[in-house]
Protein backbone atom coordinates (compact mmCIF):
# COMPACT_ATOMS: atom_id res chain seq x y z
CA MET A 1 -13.45 11.03 -17.45
CA GLY A 2 -10.13 10.91 -16.79
CA LYS A 3 -7.39 8.55 -15.43
CA ALA A 4 -6.53 7.54 -11.62
CA ILE A 5 -3.22 5.98 -10.45
CA HIS A 6 -3.51 4.32 -7.29
CA PHE A 7 -0.77 2.75 -5.22
CA GLY A 8 -1.98 -0.40 -3.29
CA GLY A 9 -4.22 -3.21 -4.11
CA GLY A 10 -5.07 -3.94 -0.48
CA ASN A 11 -8.72 -3.20 0.85
CA ILE A 12 -8.31 0.13 1.77
CA GLY A 13 -6.97 0.89 -1.75
CA ARG A 14 -9.96 -1.36 -3.88
CA GLY A 15 -12.74 -0.26 -1.24
CA PHE A 16 -11.83 3.72 -0.11
CA VAL A 17 -10.04 5.43 -2.37
CA GLY A 18 -10.90 3.07 -5.42
CA GLU A 19 -14.74 3.20 -5.00
CA PHE A 20 -14.74 7.06 -4.37
CA LEU A 21 -12.47 7.26 -7.77
CA HIS A 22 -14.22 5.20 -9.44
CA GLU A 23 -17.52 7.22 -8.32
CA ALA A 24 -15.88 10.07 -9.74
CA GLY A 25 -15.61 9.38 -13.36
CA TYR A 26 -12.12 7.86 -13.56
CA GLU A 27 -10.63 5.23 -14.64
CA VAL A 28 -8.30 3.63 -11.70
CA VAL A 29 -5.15 1.79 -12.59
CA PHE A 30 -4.17 0.01 -8.99
CA VAL A 31 -0.18 0.04 -9.05
CA ASP A 32 0.88 -2.82 -6.66
CA VAL A 33 3.87 -5.55 -6.33
CA VAL A 34 2.31 -8.51 -4.61
CA ASP A 35 1.48 -11.12 -7.76
CA ASP A 36 -1.25 -12.95 -7.20
CA LEU A 37 -2.97 -9.74 -6.24
CA ILE A 38 -1.87 -8.25 -8.95
CA ALA A 39 -3.07 -11.37 -10.87
CA SER A 40 -6.44 -11.65 -9.62
CA ILE A 41 -7.51 -7.67 -10.60
CA GLN A 42 -6.00 -8.14 -13.92
CA LYS A 43 -8.65 -11.10 -14.24
CA THR A 44 -11.27 -9.86 -12.37
CA PRO A 45 -13.84 -7.44 -14.31
CA SER A 46 -15.55 -6.57 -11.37
CA TYR A 47 -15.83 -6.56 -7.59
CA ASP A 48 -17.67 -5.29 -4.81
CA ILE A 49 -18.14 -3.01 -1.98
CA THR A 50 -20.49 -3.48 0.71
CA GLU A 51 -20.77 -0.77 3.01
CA ILE A 52 -21.93 -1.59 6.27
CA SER A 53 -24.31 0.36 9.06
CA GLU A 54 -26.15 -0.34 12.05
CA GLU A 55 -29.14 0.41 9.29
CA GLY A 56 -27.98 -2.72 7.42
CA GLU A 57 -25.86 -2.87 4.03
CA LYS A 58 -25.27 -1.88 0.73
CA THR A 59 -23.54 -3.21 -2.11
CA LYS A 60 -22.07 -1.31 -4.85
CA THR A 61 -20.23 -2.72 -8.06
CA ILE A 62 -16.56 -1.49 -9.20
CA THR A 63 -15.62 -1.30 -13.09
CA ASN A 64 -13.28 0.36 -15.34
CA TYR A 65 -10.19 -0.47 -13.87
CA ARG A 66 -6.91 -2.43 -14.77
CA ALA A 67 -3.83 -2.86 -12.38
CA LEU A 68 -0.11 -3.30 -13.04
CA ASN A 69 3.01 -4.91 -11.13
CA SER A 70 5.53 -1.90 -10.88
CA LYS A 71 8.14 -4.68 -9.59
CA THR A 72 8.05 -6.06 -13.19
CA GLN A 73 5.86 -3.49 -15.15
CA GLU A 74 8.17 -0.41 -14.07
CA ALA A 75 8.46 1.37 -17.75
CA ASP A 76 4.66 0.55 -17.60
CA VAL A 77 3.86 2.28 -15.03
CA VAL A 78 5.87 5.20 -15.71
CA GLN A 79 4.16 5.91 -18.72
CA GLU A 80 0.86 5.46 -17.15
CA ILE A 81 1.34 8.29 -14.42
CA ALA A 82 2.85 10.60 -17.37
CA THR A 83 -0.65 10.45 -18.70
CA ALA A 84 -2.67 10.60 -15.72
CA ASP A 85 -4.57 13.40 -13.34
CA ILE A 86 -3.96 12.06 -10.18
CA VAL A 87 -1.77 9.84 -8.32
CA THR A 88 -3.09 8.23 -4.94
CA CYS A 89 -1.66 5.37 -2.48
CA ALA A 90 -2.78 3.73 0.65
CA VAL A 91 0.46 1.48 1.32
CA GLY A 92 1.32 2.75 4.82
CA PRO A 93 3.80 5.31 5.80
CA ARG A 94 7.02 3.42 5.70
CA ILE A 95 6.06 2.08 2.05
CA LEU A 96 6.05 5.44 0.46
CA GLN A 97 10.13 5.12 0.20
CA PHE A 98 9.14 2.54 -2.58
CA ILE A 99 6.48 3.51 -4.50
CA ALA A 100 8.65 7.36 -4.75
CA PRO A 101 11.61 6.48 -7.47
CA VAL A 102 8.67 5.54 -9.93
CA ILE A 103 6.89 8.39 -9.08
CA ALA A 104 9.54 10.19 -10.02
CA LYS A 105 10.31 8.90 -13.33
CA GLY A 106 6.16 9.14 -14.41
CA ILE A 107 6.14 13.11 -13.39
CA GLU A 108 9.74 13.61 -15.21
CA SER A 109 8.51 11.72 -18.40
CA ARG A 110 5.00 14.09 -17.92
CA SER A 111 3.81 16.20 -21.04
CA LEU A 112 1.10 17.46 -20.32
CA ASP A 113 -0.06 21.17 -19.85
CA ILE A 114 -2.48 20.11 -16.41
CA PRO A 115 -0.34 19.20 -13.11
CA LEU A 116 -0.59 15.64 -11.86
CA ALA A 117 -2.53 15.66 -8.72
CA VAL A 118 -0.38 13.75 -5.99
CA ILE A 119 -2.47 12.69 -2.84
CA ALA A 120 -1.09 10.27 -0.05
CA CYS A 121 -4.03 8.40 1.68
CA GLU A 122 -2.57 7.50 4.88
CA ASN A 123 -2.68 6.68 8.52
CA ALA A 124 -0.53 9.86 9.16
CA ILE A 125 0.24 13.48 10.06
CA ASN A 126 1.28 15.29 6.32
CA ALA A 127 2.08 11.92 4.59
CA THR A 128 1.87 13.85 0.92
CA ASP A 129 4.75 15.79 2.29
CA ALA A 130 6.89 12.50 3.23
CA LEU A 131 6.06 11.08 0.20
CA ARG A 132 7.18 14.23 -1.82
CA GLY A 133 10.50 14.01 0.01
CA HIS A 134 11.21 10.78 -0.73
CA ILE A 135 10.47 11.84 -4.54
CA GLU A 136 12.70 15.05 -4.21
CA LYS A 137 15.71 12.60 -3.92
CA LYS A 138 14.95 11.09 -7.27
CA ALA A 139 13.70 14.19 -9.73
CA ASN A 140 14.50 17.40 -10.53
CA PRO A 141 12.78 20.49 -8.20
CA GLU A 142 11.74 22.55 -10.97
CA THR A 143 10.35 19.56 -12.76
CA LEU A 144 8.59 18.76 -9.49
CA SER A 145 7.05 21.93 -8.88
CA SER A 146 5.71 22.72 -12.43
CA ARG A 147 4.46 19.02 -13.82
CA ALA A 148 2.54 18.11 -10.08
CA VAL A 149 0.53 19.44 -6.95
CA PHE A 150 1.64 17.70 -3.73
CA ALA A 151 -1.80 17.43 -1.19
CA ASN A 152 -1.92 16.53 2.39
CA CYS A 153 -5.12 14.84 3.40
CA ALA A 154 -7.01 13.15 6.24
CA ILE A 155 -9.06 9.65 5.85
CA ASP A 156 -11.18 7.70 8.17
CA ARG A 157 -13.04 5.05 7.40
CA ILE A 158 -12.69 1.82 8.95
CA VAL A 159 -12.01 -1.81 6.91
CA PRO A 160 -12.79 -4.53 9.28
CA ASN A 161 -11.24 -8.10 9.26
CA GLN A 162 -12.59 -9.36 5.55
CA PRO A 163 -14.46 -12.87 5.18
CA PRO A 164 -12.38 -16.29 4.04
CA ASN A 165 -12.52 -16.45 0.26
CA ASN A 166 -14.16 -13.15 -0.38
CA GLY A 167 -11.66 -12.42 -3.23
CA LEU A 168 -11.76 -8.64 -4.48
CA ASN A 169 -14.80 -7.78 -2.55
CA VAL A 170 -14.69 -5.44 0.16
CA ARG A 171 -16.40 -5.45 3.22
CA ILE A 172 -15.94 -1.90 4.84
CA GLU A 173 -18.06 0.97 7.14
CA LYS A 174 -20.31 3.11 5.69
CA TYR A 175 -18.66 6.41 7.47
CA TYR A 176 -16.14 8.05 5.87
CA GLU A 177 -14.47 11.28 6.08
CA TRP A 178 -11.66 12.06 3.06
CA VAL A 179 -10.21 15.89 3.59
CA VAL A 180 -7.75 17.34 1.40
CA GLU A 181 -5.97 20.44 1.36
CA ARG A 182 -7.03 22.79 -1.50
CA THR A 183 -3.95 25.34 -1.00
CA PRO A 184 -1.60 23.83 -3.24
CA PHE A 185 -4.06 23.82 -6.29
CA LYS A 186 -4.86 27.53 -5.57
CA LYS A 187 -0.66 28.53 -5.03
CA HIS A 188 -0.29 26.55 -8.89
CA GLY A 189 -3.05 28.74 -9.96
CA VAL A 190 -4.93 25.38 -10.98
CA GLU A 191 -8.55 23.48 -10.04
CA HIS A 192 -8.47 20.71 -7.65
CA PRO A 193 -9.84 16.96 -9.24
CA ASN A 194 -13.00 16.92 -9.03
CA VAL A 195 -13.78 14.00 -6.79
CA PRO A 196 -17.03 14.44 -4.95
CA ALA A 197 -15.82 12.31 -2.18
CA ILE A 198 -13.29 14.76 -0.73
CA HIS A 199 -13.86 17.44 1.51
CA TRP A 200 -11.39 20.75 0.55
CA VAL A 201 -10.05 22.67 2.83
CA ASP A 202 -7.97 25.43 3.37
CA THR A 203 -6.43 24.40 6.50
CA LEU A 204 -5.82 20.89 7.13
CA GLY A 205 -4.26 20.64 10.63
CA PRO A 206 -7.10 20.64 12.62
CA TYR A 207 -8.35 17.93 10.78
CA ILE A 208 -5.80 15.71 10.47
CA GLU A 209 -5.11 15.79 14.40
CA ARG A 210 -8.47 15.76 15.23
CA LYS A 211 -8.93 12.20 13.34
CA LEU A 212 -6.13 10.79 14.27
CA PHE A 213 -5.51 11.70 17.86
CA THR A 214 -9.39 10.74 18.36
CA VAL A 215 -10.16 7.79 15.98
CA ASN A 216 -6.76 6.35 16.07
CA THR A 217 -6.05 6.77 19.20
CA GLY A 218 -9.88 5.63 20.69
CA HIS A 219 -9.06 2.81 18.25
CA ALA A 220 -6.02 1.69 19.41
CA THR A 221 -6.18 2.40 23.01
CA THR A 222 -9.78 0.10 23.02
CA ALA A 223 -7.71 -2.98 21.06
CA TYR A 224 -4.30 -2.65 23.88
CA TYR A 225 -6.63 -3.12 26.59
CA GLY A 226 -8.97 -5.67 24.80
CA HIS A 227 -6.17 -7.94 24.25
CA LEU A 228 -4.61 -7.81 27.60
CA SER A 229 -8.35 -8.88 28.72
CA GLY A 230 -9.12 -11.22 26.21
CA LYS A 231 -11.34 -9.96 23.82
CA LYS A 232 -11.77 -11.02 20.37
CA THR A 233 -13.00 -7.58 18.78
CA ILE A 234 -13.27 -4.20 19.24
CA ALA A 235 -17.18 -4.34 20.07
CA ASP A 236 -16.64 -6.35 22.69
CA ALA A 237 -14.13 -4.79 24.48
CA LEU A 238 -16.18 -1.68 24.44
CA GLN A 239 -19.07 -3.70 25.95
CA ASP A 240 -16.83 -3.94 29.03
CA SER A 241 -17.83 -0.88 31.29
CA HIS A 242 -13.75 -0.76 32.60
CA ILE A 243 -12.49 -0.62 28.86
CA ARG A 244 -15.38 1.91 27.53
CA GLU A 245 -14.36 4.45 30.29
CA THR A 246 -11.18 4.32 30.25
CA VAL A 247 -11.39 4.91 26.32
CA HIS A 248 -13.56 8.19 27.41
CA LYS A 249 -10.56 9.10 29.74
CA VAL A 250 -8.19 9.40 26.64
CA LEU A 251 -9.99 10.71 24.70
CA ASP A 252 -10.89 13.37 26.86
CA GLU A 253 -7.67 14.30 27.22
CA THR A 254 -6.77 14.55 23.47
CA ALA A 255 -10.24 16.32 23.47
CA SER A 256 -8.41 18.93 25.36
CA LEU A 257 -5.54 19.22 23.31
CA ILE A 258 -8.13 19.61 19.96
CA ILE A 259 -9.76 22.23 21.99
CA ASN A 260 -7.05 24.19 23.28
CA LYS A 261 -4.85 24.02 20.02
CA HIS A 262 -7.35 24.03 17.21
CA GLY A 263 -9.88 26.49 18.96
CA ILE A 264 -12.64 23.55 18.29
CA PRO A 265 -15.87 24.31 20.21
CA GLU A 266 -15.47 21.82 23.45
CA GLN A 267 -19.39 20.32 22.75
CA GLU A 268 -18.35 19.85 18.98
CA GLN A 269 -15.46 17.59 20.21
CA LYS A 270 -17.53 15.83 22.51
CA GLU A 271 -20.19 14.96 20.21
CA TYR A 272 -17.53 13.67 17.53
CA VAL A 273 -16.08 11.98 20.41
CA ASP A 274 -19.39 10.31 21.10
CA LYS A 275 -20.19 9.53 17.42
CA ILE A 276 -16.59 7.78 17.19
CA ILE A 277 -16.92 5.23 19.87
CA GLY A 278 -20.54 4.87 18.95
CA ARG A 279 -18.63 4.21 15.33
CA ILE A 280 -16.16 1.56 16.55
CA SER A 281 -18.55 -0.34 18.72
CA ASN A 282 -20.51 -1.13 15.99
CA PRO A 283 -20.89 -4.85 16.19
CA TYR A 284 -21.52 -5.32 12.62
CA LEU A 285 -18.05 -4.64 11.62
CA GLU A 286 -16.64 -7.81 13.41
CA ASP A 287 -13.64 -5.74 13.76
CA ASN A 288 -10.53 -7.83 14.83
CA ILE A 289 -8.58 -7.16 18.09
CA GLU A 290 -5.16 -8.00 16.09
CA ARG A 291 -5.63 -6.62 13.40
CA VAL A 292 -6.49 -2.89 15.15
CA GLY A 293 -3.32 -3.01 17.40
CA ARG A 294 -1.05 -4.54 14.91
CA ALA A 295 2.23 -2.68 14.64
CA PRO A 296 2.89 -1.05 17.77
CA LEU A 297 5.86 0.33 17.15
CA ARG A 298 4.91 3.04 14.24
CA LYS A 299 1.79 3.71 16.73
CA LEU A 300 3.89 4.31 19.52
CA SER A 301 6.26 6.43 17.29
CA ARG A 302 6.85 10.11 17.94
CA ASP A 303 4.05 12.04 16.42
CA GLU A 304 1.56 8.89 15.81
CA ARG A 305 -1.71 8.57 18.19
CA PHE A 306 -0.36 8.61 21.38
CA ILE A 307 3.01 9.89 21.83
CA GLY A 308 1.86 12.72 19.83
CA PRO A 309 -1.16 14.40 21.72
CA ALA A 310 0.51 13.25 24.93
CA SER A 311 3.58 14.80 23.80
CA GLN A 312 1.65 18.17 23.22
CA LEU A 313 -0.10 17.83 26.50
CA ALA A 314 2.88 17.64 28.33
CA GLU A 315 4.31 20.66 26.70
CA ARG A 316 1.22 22.55 28.14
CA GLY A 317 1.01 21.43 31.62
CA LEU A 318 -2.33 19.51 30.39
CA LYS A 319 -3.32 16.52 31.83
CA PHE A 320 -2.02 12.86 29.92
CA ASP A 321 -2.21 10.26 32.56
CA ALA A 322 -4.57 7.97 30.46
CA LEU A 323 -2.87 8.46 27.45
CA LEU A 324 0.29 7.08 29.46
CA GLY A 325 -1.66 4.23 30.39
CA ALA A 326 -2.65 3.53 26.73
CA VAL A 327 1.40 3.55 26.09
CA GLU A 328 1.90 0.91 28.33
CA GLN A 329 -0.78 -1.19 27.23
CA ALA A 330 0.75 -0.88 23.32
CA LEU A 331 4.07 -1.98 25.03
CA ARG A 332 2.80 -5.26 26.30
CA PHE A 333 1.44 -5.82 22.81
CA GLN A 334 4.33 -8.59 22.31
CA ASN A 335 4.76 -11.53 19.98
CA VAL A 336 1.42 -11.59 18.84
CA PRO A 337 1.25 -13.95 15.37
CA GLY A 338 1.35 -12.89 12.68
CA ASP A 339 2.64 -9.33 13.40
CA GLU A 340 6.11 -8.86 12.85
CA GLU A 341 6.61 -5.06 14.82
CA SER A 342 5.38 -6.82 18.08
CA ALA A 343 7.65 -9.36 17.83
CA GLU A 344 10.42 -6.98 17.29
CA LEU A 345 8.73 -4.73 20.23
CA ALA A 346 9.58 -7.67 22.55
CA LYS A 347 13.12 -8.00 21.38
CA ILE A 348 13.99 -3.78 21.71
CA LEU A 349 12.00 -4.31 25.53
CA LYS A 350 14.53 -7.12 26.44
CA GLU A 351 17.61 -6.51 24.46
CA GLN A 352 17.93 -2.97 25.86
CA SER A 353 18.13 -0.69 28.82
CA ALA A 354 15.04 1.30 29.88
CA LYS A 355 16.51 4.31 28.41
CA GLU A 356 17.82 3.02 25.12
CA ALA A 357 14.27 1.55 24.74
CA THR A 358 12.25 4.89 25.83
CA SER A 359 14.59 6.56 22.74
CA HIS A 360 14.16 3.82 20.34
CA ILE A 361 10.29 3.37 20.40
CA THR A 362 9.14 7.08 21.03
CA GLY A 363 11.69 9.19 19.46
CA LEU A 364 11.17 11.55 22.48
CA GLU A 365 14.27 13.49 23.90
CA GLU A 366 15.18 12.85 27.64
CA SER A 367 14.77 16.23 27.90
CA HIS A 368 11.21 16.48 26.75
CA PRO A 369 8.65 16.82 30.05
CA LEU A 370 6.99 13.63 28.40
CA TYR A 371 9.55 11.51 28.81
CA PRO A 372 10.60 10.63 32.41
CA HIS A 373 6.74 9.40 32.73
CA VAL A 374 7.63 6.63 29.61
CA LEU A 375 10.45 5.73 31.19
CA GLU A 376 8.82 4.93 33.96
CA ARG A 377 6.31 2.76 32.19
CA VAL A 378 8.88 1.34 29.81
CA GLN A 379 10.62 0.15 32.98
CA THR A 380 7.19 -1.29 34.73
CA VAL A 381 6.79 -3.51 31.64
CA GLN A 382 9.73 -4.57 31.65
CA ASN A 383 10.15 -5.60 35.05
CA ASP A 384 6.85 -7.83 34.66
CA SER A 385 8.46 -9.65 31.30
CA LYS A 386 11.81 -10.35 33.72
CA GLU A 387 9.08 -11.74 36.89
CA ARG A 388 7.26 -13.44 34.57
CA ASN A 389 10.73 -15.41 33.09
CA ARG A 390 11.59 -15.95 36.69
CA SER A 391 8.57 -17.66 37.69
CA ARG A 392 8.89 -20.00 34.66
CA ILE A 393 12.22 -21.52 35.86
């Protein structure tokens, strides 16, 4: 059918985006910088995806893919992009700036009449816009406008920790949502890619915020409260009635924002919340607390799953107390083995004043109505750390 280039050969890349691009008939070219991963993909002709649900497991086999290392094979990657139909990525929002230059070169090398579809599949609001911003620093804007269409998306699928020695195989939640805006394709006068798994919409904003402020906020809240309670998995944490009740209170607050801002009916949002909590409670996922809680600095940033909804609620004069509690628990996710951001968070809270740390971590302006409330939680966490250190002396 056609060719899709996907940046990021990890579990989400292979087990979510790669699966659905394969099922749409594309040859998939995975691009990454991890030598061992690329070598493994290159020498393995197929891998299995096992979809997990309470009804059991279903396994699919993925074939018709290749892999390139953008660190050592940049010219080949550029040529692949120049002749591709679609470029996707699942690399993490902070890595977008590093993949942008090679995508820019690929777009500038295109001579096809049909523009390249570019969709960043990241857990962040308007990630494709962010990617385009990085690409625009490296490419002629007129060339970009004529040779590529950039569309934002919202993705939702849980990829738990994988069993040891699983190779390229991926165990993944059966449920998924992949919503992409079709408006950029309409404006360009072209058809959007034919990927049956994608739900195409004219207005993406409500879908992005509903997902980020329900699934991601609920998932992370469970992880941070679970971590401090010594729980091992998300399902274990949600067996605790106090944690489950707390997660519901947090999602009641984000629901009030989503209903107020986007006009989604209250009952529809309530059913969505119940479905999400049911999903992340699934013991078959065996989803690890540390995996879900990792990268606390990103999760505490300005437009992310805690400060994003809490700041908008504060601006509207609506309740955000439960979200503040989740923010405090996230601030306590420090020095977790294998998570650099949790160590960096501990360093910031130790070395900076409460005001400096609040601004640094959350990006909130001191004049914002949420700022003094978060400042108070930062002070609480810092004082607790000082007390613990004194008690050790």
